[in-house]
């Protein structure tokens, strides 16, 4: 007996015809595990590549990522392979001259696409990472902070709030909430929640989201629409309906290698790209690239600097820890922020509910500077300017569990912990003991010691720098 809903199977048989049996059989195969390296910290590991991603890799099995210090040090992000296709879209459009100076990731949690985009844009560009649901926004903030890029802003807004920022963004990524058919293989429980009514509700919601955010896109700008569903009503048919409703855009194509197994999806004036389980080593995914026509009036926004008395604290704090300090500024004493964000901050603050600007790195107190845990994972951390303690993996996990452990330190002060070549935490040594600066809500809660003894798989054992 099939585990998939009968109406879903019936539609797949009509949609994929002679490939339907192969398609449905593929949904019963194990899901692949993939990661994407943080190119600013690690450059290569010896595992099979995700063909459409320069930094994506398939792992032979799924390790316990929570027990890997490299995961905590943001040397990689655990991301589904198909969604890494966003890199191809952005890189090929950049080669054609499309700017990505101002980018919005509208449905950003938990942060996979935001961290990917951040590695593809310059420090002089900026990225707004938005998530409306509070719990998911908290996870987004953690992942953004750990990734360490200072040109990102986290917001919590509806699509309609962005629609008031007329012609503000060069590019918008909308990974829309959907029926989740593409995740059936990865999460069979999702299939039990599937029904036709829900797919129709998703399509209505997607239509509204795109209409509401559309005014924020500059004429000639790019909107990258994606879902994790196979349903044409949420994908190409939805976009066709959107175009017929009056939105002025064309869908544009990029080059794809025929060996990748990606399918071109066409419906009248709409074209996109489909990732299907019997053709790619990845989960279900759809992507289309919409370019706004130039008929609309050009934007009149002009950058203006955010003025604050405390930003001059950068000369002390940033020079203390970071390389290339001219790229950073300090609008508050607790955050390191790129100048690109500060230029547009007045406009962003006017329209959006900001949850985080840049990366929290510490705060001033009457006893001096107290570093934040995320200072240990920030990009540009200068190892020549900090005190480092080498730890083994067992000690690293003790720190991440906020357990007491011994370190051979004589001098008092702040120390950054390093496991192999991954800096992942900070302690304050106060003589006979040390204080752990890991936030309590981040600590490992699982009983890891029995698992630690049996682990036989280390992602970075064979890393080449």
Protein backbone atom coordinates (compact mmCIF):
# COMPACT_ATOMS: atom_id res chain seq x y z
CA UNK A 1 0.00 0.00 0.00
CA UNK A 2 1.35 3.42 -0.93
CA UNK A 3 2.28 5.83 1.85
CA UNK A 4 1.39 8.89 -0.23
CA UNK A 5 -2.09 10.49 -0.39
CA UNK A 6 -4.13 9.15 -3.32
CA UNK A 7 -4.95 12.62 -4.77
CA UNK A 8 -1.23 13.44 -4.70
CA UNK A 9 -0.33 10.24 -6.56
CA UNK A 10 -3.12 10.82 -9.09
CA UNK A 11 -1.78 14.28 -9.88
CA UNK A 12 1.81 13.04 -10.13
CA UNK A 13 0.68 10.39 -12.66
CA UNK A 14 -0.93 13.10 -14.78
CA UNK A 15 1.95 15.54 -14.30
CA UNK A 16 4.84 13.17 -15.03
CA UNK A 17 3.05 10.57 -17.22
CA UNK A 18 5.53 7.82 -18.16
CA UNK A 19 8.00 8.96 -15.47
CA UNK A 20 5.42 8.82 -12.67
CA UNK A 21 6.29 5.31 -11.42
CA UNK A 22 10.00 6.14 -11.31
CA UNK A 23 9.18 9.44 -9.60
CA UNK A 24 7.07 7.81 -6.87
CA UNK A 25 9.60 5.03 -6.32
CA UNK A 26 12.32 7.64 -5.85
CA UNK A 27 10.30 9.21 -3.04
CA UNK A 28 10.81 5.99 -1.08
CA UNK A 29 14.60 6.20 -1.30
CA UNK A 30 16.74 7.65 1.51
CA UNK A 31 17.22 11.41 1.53
CA UNK A 32 20.75 12.69 0.82
CA UNK A 33 22.67 14.72 3.41
CA UNK A 34 24.42 17.83 2.14
CA UNK A 35 26.30 20.80 3.57
CA UNK A 36 27.54 24.08 2.15
CA UNK A 37 30.90 25.42 3.28
CA UNK A 38 31.34 28.95 4.52
CA UNK A 39 33.79 30.07 1.83
CA UNK A 40 35.33 32.67 4.14
CA UNK A 41 36.42 29.96 6.59
CA UNK A 42 36.84 26.62 4.75
CA UNK A 43 37.55 26.04 1.09
CA UNK A 44 37.30 22.31 0.40
CA UNK A 45 36.52 18.88 1.81
CA UNK A 46 37.00 15.53 0.12
CA UNK A 47 33.42 14.49 -0.50
CA UNK A 48 31.27 14.44 -3.67
CA UNK A 49 30.31 17.91 -4.88
CA UNK A 50 26.82 19.26 -5.32
CA UNK A 51 27.19 19.95 -9.07
CA UNK A 52 25.43 23.33 -9.12
CA UNK A 53 27.20 24.69 -6.04
CA UNK A 54 30.86 25.70 -5.68
CA UNK A 55 30.76 25.02 -1.92
CA UNK A 56 28.14 22.28 -1.63
CA UNK A 57 29.01 18.68 -0.72
CA UNK A 58 27.16 15.41 -0.22
CA UNK A 59 28.10 13.48 2.91
CA UNK A 60 28.17 9.66 2.94
CA UNK A 61 25.92 9.64 6.00
CA UNK A 62 24.36 12.09 8.42
CA UNK A 63 26.63 12.86 11.37
CA UNK A 64 25.41 14.38 14.62
CA UNK A 65 26.05 17.99 13.63
CA UNK A 66 25.44 19.21 17.18
CA UNK A 67 28.59 17.38 18.25
CA UNK A 68 30.83 18.99 15.63
CA UNK A 69 32.78 22.11 16.73
CA UNK A 70 33.13 23.09 13.05
CA UNK A 71 29.34 23.37 12.90
CA UNK A 72 29.37 25.74 15.87
CA UNK A 73 32.22 27.71 14.32
CA UNK A 74 30.06 28.24 11.18
CA UNK A 75 32.53 26.55 8.85
CA UNK A 76 29.48 25.11 7.09
CA UNK A 77 25.70 25.22 6.94
CA UNK A 78 23.54 22.10 6.74
CA UNK A 79 21.49 22.83 3.64
CA UNK A 80 19.42 20.76 1.25
CA UNK A 81 21.29 20.41 -2.05
CA UNK A 82 18.54 21.51 -4.44
CA UNK A 83 18.11 24.87 -2.71
CA UNK A 84 21.81 25.61 -3.29
CA UNK A 85 20.78 26.26 -6.92
CA UNK A 86 20.29 29.86 -5.82
CA UNK A 87 24.07 30.26 -6.22
CA UNK A 88 23.86 29.49 -9.94
CA UNK A 89 21.10 32.05 -10.37
CA UNK A 90 22.95 34.86 -8.61
CA UNK A 91 26.39 34.18 -10.06
CA UNK A 92 25.13 33.95 -13.65
CA UNK A 93 23.06 37.11 -13.28
CA UNK A 94 26.04 38.95 -11.81
CA UNK A 95 28.04 38.00 -14.91
CA UNK A 96 25.28 39.56 -17.02
CA UNK A 97 25.59 42.82 -15.09
CA UNK A 98 22.63 42.58 -12.72
CA UNK A 99 23.45 44.38 -9.45
CA UNK A 100 22.99 42.83 -6.02
CA UNK A 101 23.82 45.85 -3.89
CA UNK A 102 20.54 45.68 -1.95
CA UNK A 103 18.96 42.26 -1.43
CA UNK A 104 15.93 41.03 0.50
CA UNK A 105 15.43 37.44 1.62
CA UNK A 106 11.73 37.69 2.44
CA UNK A 107 11.04 34.26 3.99
CA UNK A 108 14.49 33.73 5.41
CA UNK A 109 14.26 31.33 8.39
CA UNK A 110 16.14 29.31 9.34
CA UNK A 111 18.86 31.04 7.28
CA UNK A 112 20.09 28.71 4.54
CA UNK A 113 19.48 31.05 1.62
CA UNK A 114 20.49 34.15 3.60
CA UNK A 115 23.88 32.69 4.50
CA UNK A 116 24.32 31.55 0.90
CA UNK A 117 23.50 35.00 -0.48
CA UNK A 118 25.83 36.63 2.04
CA UNK A 119 28.76 34.71 0.60
CA UNK A 120 27.91 35.90 -2.92
CA UNK A 121 27.58 39.64 -2.29
CA UNK A 122 30.26 42.14 -1.28
CA UNK A 123 30.78 43.78 2.11
CA UNK A 124 29.71 47.01 0.38
CA UNK A 125 26.31 45.42 -0.40
CA UNK A 126 23.65 44.63 2.20
CA UNK A 127 21.09 41.90 2.83
CA UNK A 128 17.82 42.15 4.74
CA UNK A 129 16.84 38.77 6.21
CA UNK A 130 13.15 38.69 7.15
CA UNK A 131 10.99 36.22 9.04
CA UNK A 132 7.53 37.04 10.36
CA UNK A 133 7.11 34.13 12.79
CA UNK A 134 8.73 34.95 16.15
CA UNK A 135 10.12 31.48 16.95
CA UNK A 136 11.57 31.07 13.47
CA UNK A 137 12.97 34.60 13.63
CA UNK A 138 14.90 33.67 16.77
CA UNK A 139 16.48 30.72 14.94
CA UNK A 140 17.29 33.01 12.01
CA UNK A 141 19.06 35.50 14.28
CA UNK A 142 21.18 32.74 15.79
CA UNK A 143 22.24 31.38 12.41
CA UNK A 144 22.94 34.84 10.98
CA UNK A 145 24.98 35.80 14.06
CA UNK A 146 27.00 32.59 13.93
CA UNK A 147 27.68 33.00 10.21
CA UNK A 148 29.54 36.21 11.02
CA UNK A 149 28.69 38.57 8.15
CA UNK A 150 28.22 42.17 9.28
CA UNK A 151 26.24 43.43 6.26
CA UNK A 152 23.00 41.67 7.23
CA UNK A 153 19.91 43.00 8.99
CA UNK A 154 17.27 40.72 10.53
CA UNK A 155 13.67 41.99 10.42
CA UNK A 156 10.24 40.66 11.37
CA UNK A 157 7.67 42.01 8.92
CA UNK A 158 4.85 41.08 6.59
CA UNK A 159 5.42 41.28 2.86
CA UNK A 160 3.10 44.30 2.74
CA UNK A 161 5.49 46.29 4.95
CA UNK A 162 8.22 45.90 2.32
CA UNK A 163 5.75 46.96 -0.38
CA UNK A 164 5.89 50.47 1.07
CA UNK A 165 9.63 50.68 0.28
CA UNK A 166 9.04 51.57 -3.35
CA UNK A 167 11.83 50.45 -5.72
CA UNK A 168 14.31 49.82 -2.91
CA UNK A 169 15.84 46.40 -3.64
CA UNK A 170 17.96 45.23 -6.57
CA UNK A 171 16.95 41.64 -5.86
CA UNK A 172 14.39 39.80 -3.74
CA UNK A 173 14.40 36.11 -2.87
CA UNK A 174 11.00 34.63 -2.00
CA UNK A 175 11.24 31.03 -0.83
CA UNK A 176 7.50 30.90 -0.36
CA UNK A 177 5.59 28.90 2.26
CA UNK A 178 4.16 25.95 0.34
CA UNK A 179 2.52 22.53 0.59
CA UNK A 180 5.94 20.92 1.08
CA UNK A 181 5.58 18.04 -1.37
CA UNK A 182 9.29 18.19 -2.14
CA UNK A 183 10.08 17.22 1.46
CA UNK A 184 8.00 14.02 1.55
CA UNK A 185 11.11 11.88 1.17
CA UNK A 186 12.96 13.76 3.88
CA UNK A 187 9.96 14.08 6.18
CA UNK A 188 7.25 11.44 5.51
CA UNK A 189 5.16 13.02 8.28
CA UNK A 190 4.60 15.98 5.97
CA UNK A 191 2.63 13.69 3.63
CA UNK A 192 0.08 12.98 6.36
CA UNK A 193 -0.69 16.70 6.56
CA UNK A 194 -1.09 17.13 2.79
CA UNK A 195 -4.46 17.77 1.20
CA UNK A 196 -5.78 19.52 -1.88
CA UNK A 197 -7.40 22.31 0.15
CA UNK A 198 -4.04 23.16 1.71
CA UNK A 199 -2.30 23.38 -1.69
CA UNK A 200 -5.00 25.82 -2.80
CA UNK A 201 -4.59 27.90 0.36
CA UNK A 202 -0.82 27.95 -0.20
CA UNK A 203 -1.28 29.20 -3.75
CA UNK A 204 -3.52 32.04 -2.57
CA UNK A 205 -0.99 32.98 0.09
CA UNK A 206 1.89 32.89 -2.38
CA UNK A 207 -0.06 35.08 -4.81
CA UNK A 208 -0.66 37.65 -2.06
CA UNK A 209 2.96 37.60 -0.88
CA UNK A 210 4.33 38.25 -4.37
CA UNK A 211 1.84 41.03 -5.04
CA UNK A 212 2.57 42.70 -1.71
CA UNK A 213 6.36 42.65 -1.96
CA UNK A 214 6.50 43.51 -5.68
CA UNK A 215 6.57 47.34 -5.29
CA UNK A 216 9.82 47.05 -3.30
CA UNK A 217 11.67 45.68 -6.34
CA UNK A 218 13.46 48.16 -8.58
CA UNK A 219 12.54 48.31 -12.29
CA UNK A 220 14.85 45.84 -14.00
CA UNK A 221 15.37 44.10 -10.65
CA UNK A 222 15.28 40.37 -10.05
CA UNK A 223 12.83 38.38 -7.93
CA UNK A 224 13.91 34.77 -7.38
CA UNK A 225 10.82 32.72 -6.58
CA UNK A 226 11.18 29.23 -5.14
CA UNK A 227 9.16 26.54 -3.40
CA UNK A 228 9.74 23.01 -2.16
CA UNK A 229 6.69 21.60 -3.93
CA UNK A 230 6.03 19.82 -7.24
CA UNK A 231 2.58 21.37 -7.56
CA UNK A 232 2.24 23.49 -10.75
CA UNK A 233 -0.53 25.46 -9.04
CA UNK A 234 2.06 26.81 -6.58
CA UNK A 235 4.80 27.11 -9.18
CA UNK A 236 4.58 27.91 -12.90
CA UNK A 237 0.76 28.20 -13.03
CA UNK A 238 0.82 30.58 -10.09
CA UNK A 239 3.37 32.81 -11.83
CA UNK A 240 1.33 32.76 -15.03
CA UNK A 241 -1.72 33.85 -13.04
CA UNK A 242 0.37 36.60 -11.45
CA UNK A 243 1.47 37.88 -14.85
CA UNK A 244 -2.06 37.79 -16.26
CA UNK A 245 -3.23 39.77 -13.23
CA UNK A 246 -1.10 42.71 -14.39
CA UNK A 247 2.38 42.38 -12.86
CA UNK A 248 4.98 43.47 -15.38
CA UNK A 249 7.76 40.90 -15.60
CA UNK A 250 9.46 38.35 -17.76
CA UNK A 251 10.90 35.07 -16.51
CA UNK A 252 14.52 34.78 -17.60
CA UNK A 253 16.68 31.72 -18.16
CA UNK A 254 20.15 30.74 -17.05
CA UNK A 255 22.46 28.03 -18.33
CA UNK A 256 22.18 24.59 -16.76
CA UNK A 257 24.33 21.54 -17.42
CA UNK A 258 22.30 18.65 -18.81
CA UNK A 259 24.23 16.29 -16.55
CA UNK A 260 22.75 17.98 -13.45
CA UNK A 261 19.35 16.38 -14.06
CA UNK A 262 17.46 19.65 -13.55
CA UNK A 263 14.27 19.92 -15.60
CA UNK A 264 13.20 23.06 -17.42
CA UNK A 265 9.57 23.86 -16.64
CA UNK A 266 7.52 25.82 -19.17
CA UNK A 267 3.95 27.11 -19.18
CA UNK A 268 3.05 29.64 -21.88
CA UNK A 269 5.14 32.73 -21.01
CA UNK A 270 6.61 31.25 -17.82
CA UNK A 271 9.76 29.19 -17.53
CA UNK A 272 11.48 27.84 -14.45
CA UNK A 273 13.49 24.93 -13.11
CA UNK A 274 12.26 21.77 -11.39
CA UNK A 275 14.20 19.38 -9.18
CA UNK A 276 12.62 15.94 -9.16
CA UNK A 277 13.64 12.97 -6.96
CA UNK A 278 14.15 10.50 -9.82
CA UNK A 279 16.51 12.89 -11.62
CA UNK A 280 18.55 14.77 -9.02
CA UNK A 281 20.29 13.88 -5.78
CA UNK A 282 18.29 16.36 -3.79
CA UNK A 283 14.80 17.10 -2.56
CA UNK A 284 11.91 18.56 -4.53
CA UNK A 285 12.42 22.19 -5.51
CA UNK A 286 11.15 24.74 -8.00
CA UNK A 287 12.80 28.01 -8.97
CA UNK A 288 11.93 30.79 -11.39
CA UNK A 289 13.65 34.12 -12.07
CA UNK A 290 11.38 37.11 -12.57
CA UNK A 291 12.77 40.34 -13.99
CA UNK A 292 10.66 43.43 -13.42
CA UNK A 293 10.00 45.41 -16.56
CA UNK A 294 11.41 48.93 -16.79
CA UNK A 295 8.05 50.69 -17.23
CA UNK A 296 7.89 51.71 -13.59
CA UNK A 297 9.37 54.99 -12.33
CA UNK A 298 12.93 54.74 -11.06
CA UNK A 299 13.72 54.87 -7.35
CA UNK A 300 14.63 58.20 -5.74
CA UNK A 301 16.15 56.84 -2.55
CA UNK A 302 19.44 58.41 -1.57
CA UNK A 303 21.71 56.91 1.08
CA UNK A 304 22.21 58.88 4.29
CA UNK A 305 24.49 57.94 7.13
CA UNK A 306 23.17 56.85 10.50
CA UNK A 307 24.51 59.30 13.04
CA UNK A 308 25.32 58.12 16.53
CA UNK A 309 27.75 59.29 19.15
CA UNK A 310 28.76 55.75 20.08
CA UNK A 311 29.91 54.66 16.64
CA UNK A 312 33.36 56.14 17.27
CA UNK A 313 33.94 53.37 19.76
CA UNK A 314 34.94 51.33 16.69
CA UNK A 315 38.49 52.71 16.85
CA UNK A 316 38.99 50.87 20.12
CA UNK A 317 36.84 47.76 19.87
CA UNK A 318 37.15 46.77 16.24
CA UNK A 319 40.85 47.43 16.01
CA UNK A 320 41.20 45.20 19.06
CA UNK A 321 39.77 42.12 17.35
CA UNK A 322 39.17 42.51 13.60
CA UNK A 323 41.09 42.88 10.37
CA UNK A 324 40.16 45.58 7.81
CA UNK A 325 38.37 47.77 10.34
CA UNK A 326 37.60 50.43 7.72
CA UNK A 327 34.82 48.12 6.49
CA UNK A 328 32.97 48.26 9.80
CA UNK A 329 31.17 50.74 12.02
CA UNK A 330 29.46 50.62 15.40
CA UNK A 331 25.98 52.10 15.57
CA UNK A 332 25.65 50.57 19.04
CA UNK A 333 28.28 49.42 21.47
CA UNK A 334 27.18 45.80 21.07
CA UNK A 335 27.18 45.30 17.30
CA UNK A 336 29.65 45.34 14.43
CA UNK A 337 27.94 46.56 11.26
CA UNK A 338 29.14 47.25 7.74
CA UNK A 339 28.92 50.80 6.41
CA UNK A 340 26.65 49.53 3.61
CA UNK A 341 23.95 48.81 6.18
CA UNK A 342 24.39 52.16 7.92
CA UNK A 343 23.88 54.06 4.66
CA UNK A 344 20.39 52.65 4.23
CA UNK A 345 19.47 52.30 7.90
CA UNK A 346 17.24 55.42 8.08
CA UNK A 347 15.00 54.04 5.34
CA UNK A 348 15.00 50.53 6.80
CA UNK A 349 14.16 51.84 10.28
CA UNK A 350 11.29 53.92 8.89
CA UNK A 351 9.46 50.94 7.40
CA UNK A 352 10.60 47.80 9.20
CA UNK A 353 10.67 46.18 12.62
CA UNK A 354 14.37 45.51 13.07
CA UNK A 355 15.38 42.55 15.23
CA UNK A 356 19.13 42.73 14.69
CA UNK A 357 21.65 44.93 12.87
CA UNK A 358 24.97 43.30 12.03
CA UNK A 359 26.64 40.94 14.50
CA UNK A 360 26.65 41.24 18.31
CA UNK A 361 30.27 41.30 19.47
CA UNK A 362 30.15 42.58 23.05
CA UNK A 363 29.31 45.45 25.32
CA UNK A 364 30.98 48.09 27.39
CA UNK A 365 30.77 47.88 31.17
CA UNK A 366 32.34 49.78 34.04
CA UNK A 367 34.96 47.02 34.18
CA UNK A 368 35.80 47.25 30.47
CA UNK A 369 34.70 45.43 27.36
CA UNK A 370 32.77 42.16 27.70
CA UNK A 371 32.94 40.15 24.45
CA UNK A 372 29.88 38.40 23.08
CA UNK A 373 30.02 34.72 22.16
CA UNK A 374 29.38 35.58 18.49
CA UNK A 375 32.62 37.54 18.34
CA UNK A 376 34.31 34.13 18.15
CA UNK A 377 32.61 33.31 14.81
CA UNK A 378 32.65 36.75 13.14
CA UNK A 379 34.30 37.06 9.75
CA UNK A 380 37.55 38.99 9.90
CA UNK A 381 38.54 37.93 13.40
CA UNK A 382 42.28 38.51 13.61
CA UNK A 383 43.93 35.59 15.40
CA UNK A 384 47.07 37.68 15.95
CA UNK A 385 45.11 40.08 18.16
CA UNK A 386 43.45 37.54 20.47
CA UNK A 387 44.51 34.97 23.03
CA UNK A 388 43.74 31.45 21.88
CA UNK A 389 43.53 28.18 23.80
CA UNK A 390 43.74 24.92 21.88
CA UNK A 391 41.22 22.29 22.99
CA UNK A 392 40.43 18.73 21.99
CA UNK A 393 36.99 17.62 20.85
CA UNK A 394 35.94 16.36 24.26
CA UNK A 395 36.80 19.71 25.85
CA UNK A 396 35.01 21.52 23.03
CA UNK A 397 31.82 19.59 23.75
CA UNK A 398 32.20 20.24 27.46
CA UNK A 399 32.32 23.98 26.68
CA UNK A 400 29.29 23.69 24.36
CA UNK A 401 27.40 21.87 27.14
CA UNK A 402 28.50 24.54 29.65
CA UNK A 403 30.22 21.89 31.75
CA UNK A 404 33.21 22.67 33.95
CA UNK A 405 36.49 21.46 32.45
CA UNK A 406 40.19 21.99 33.05
CA UNK A 407 42.43 24.24 30.96
CA UNK A 408 46.10 25.01 31.46
CA UNK A 409 45.96 28.81 31.65
CA UNK A 410 47.96 31.06 33.93
CA UNK A 411 47.15 34.62 32.88
CA UNK A 412 43.72 36.07 33.62
CA UNK A 413 41.60 37.41 30.78
CA UNK A 414 39.45 36.45 27.79
CA UNK A 415 40.47 33.45 25.69
CA UNK A 416 39.09 32.18 22.39
CA UNK A 417 38.76 28.41 22.09
CA UNK A 418 40.07 26.69 18.98
CA UNK A 419 39.52 23.09 17.92
CA UNK A 420 41.98 22.29 15.11
CA UNK A 421 41.46 25.36 12.87
CA UNK A 422 37.96 26.26 14.08
CA UNK A 423 37.45 29.05 16.63
CA UNK A 424 34.07 28.47 18.23
CA UNK A 425 33.84 30.04 21.71
CA UNK A 426 35.13 32.39 24.40
CA UNK A 427 35.90 31.98 28.09
CA UNK A 428 37.03 34.42 30.76
CA UNK A 429 39.80 33.00 32.94
CA UNK A 430 39.61 34.50 36.43
CA UNK A 431 42.35 32.58 38.23
CA UNK A 432 41.17 29.33 39.72
CA UNK A 433 38.35 28.84 37.19
CA UNK A 434 36.88 30.27 34.01
CA UNK A 435 33.51 31.68 32.98
CA UNK A 436 31.85 30.23 29.88
CA UNK A 437 30.45 32.95 27.57
CA UNK A 438 28.20 30.60 25.59
CA UNK A 439 24.58 31.81 25.96
CA UNK A 440 22.60 29.30 28.05
CA UNK A 441 19.92 28.91 25.36
CA UNK A 442 22.54 27.64 22.89
CA UNK A 443 24.10 24.91 25.00
CA UNK A 444 23.95 21.24 24.05
CA UNK A 445 21.20 19.54 26.06
CA UNK A 446 21.54 15.98 24.77
CA UNK A 447 23.54 13.29 26.58
CA UNK A 448 26.46 13.23 24.18
CA UNK A 449 29.20 11.25 25.94
CA UNK A 450 28.03 7.76 24.83
CA UNK A 451 27.58 9.07 21.29
CA UNK A 452 30.99 10.73 21.39
CA UNK A 453 32.66 7.41 22.14
CA UNK A 454 31.01 5.70 19.18
CA UNK A 455 31.49 8.42 16.56
CA UNK A 456 33.63 7.40 13.58
CA UNK A 457 32.96 10.23 11.15
CA UNK A 458 34.57 13.68 11.06
CA UNK A 459 33.67 15.96 8.15
CA UNK A 460 36.94 17.90 8.24
CA UNK A 461 39.37 15.04 8.81
CA UNK A 462 40.42 15.31 5.17
CA UNK A 463 40.01 19.04 4.64
CA UNK A 464 42.42 20.77 2.26
CA UNK A 465 42.91 24.49 2.71
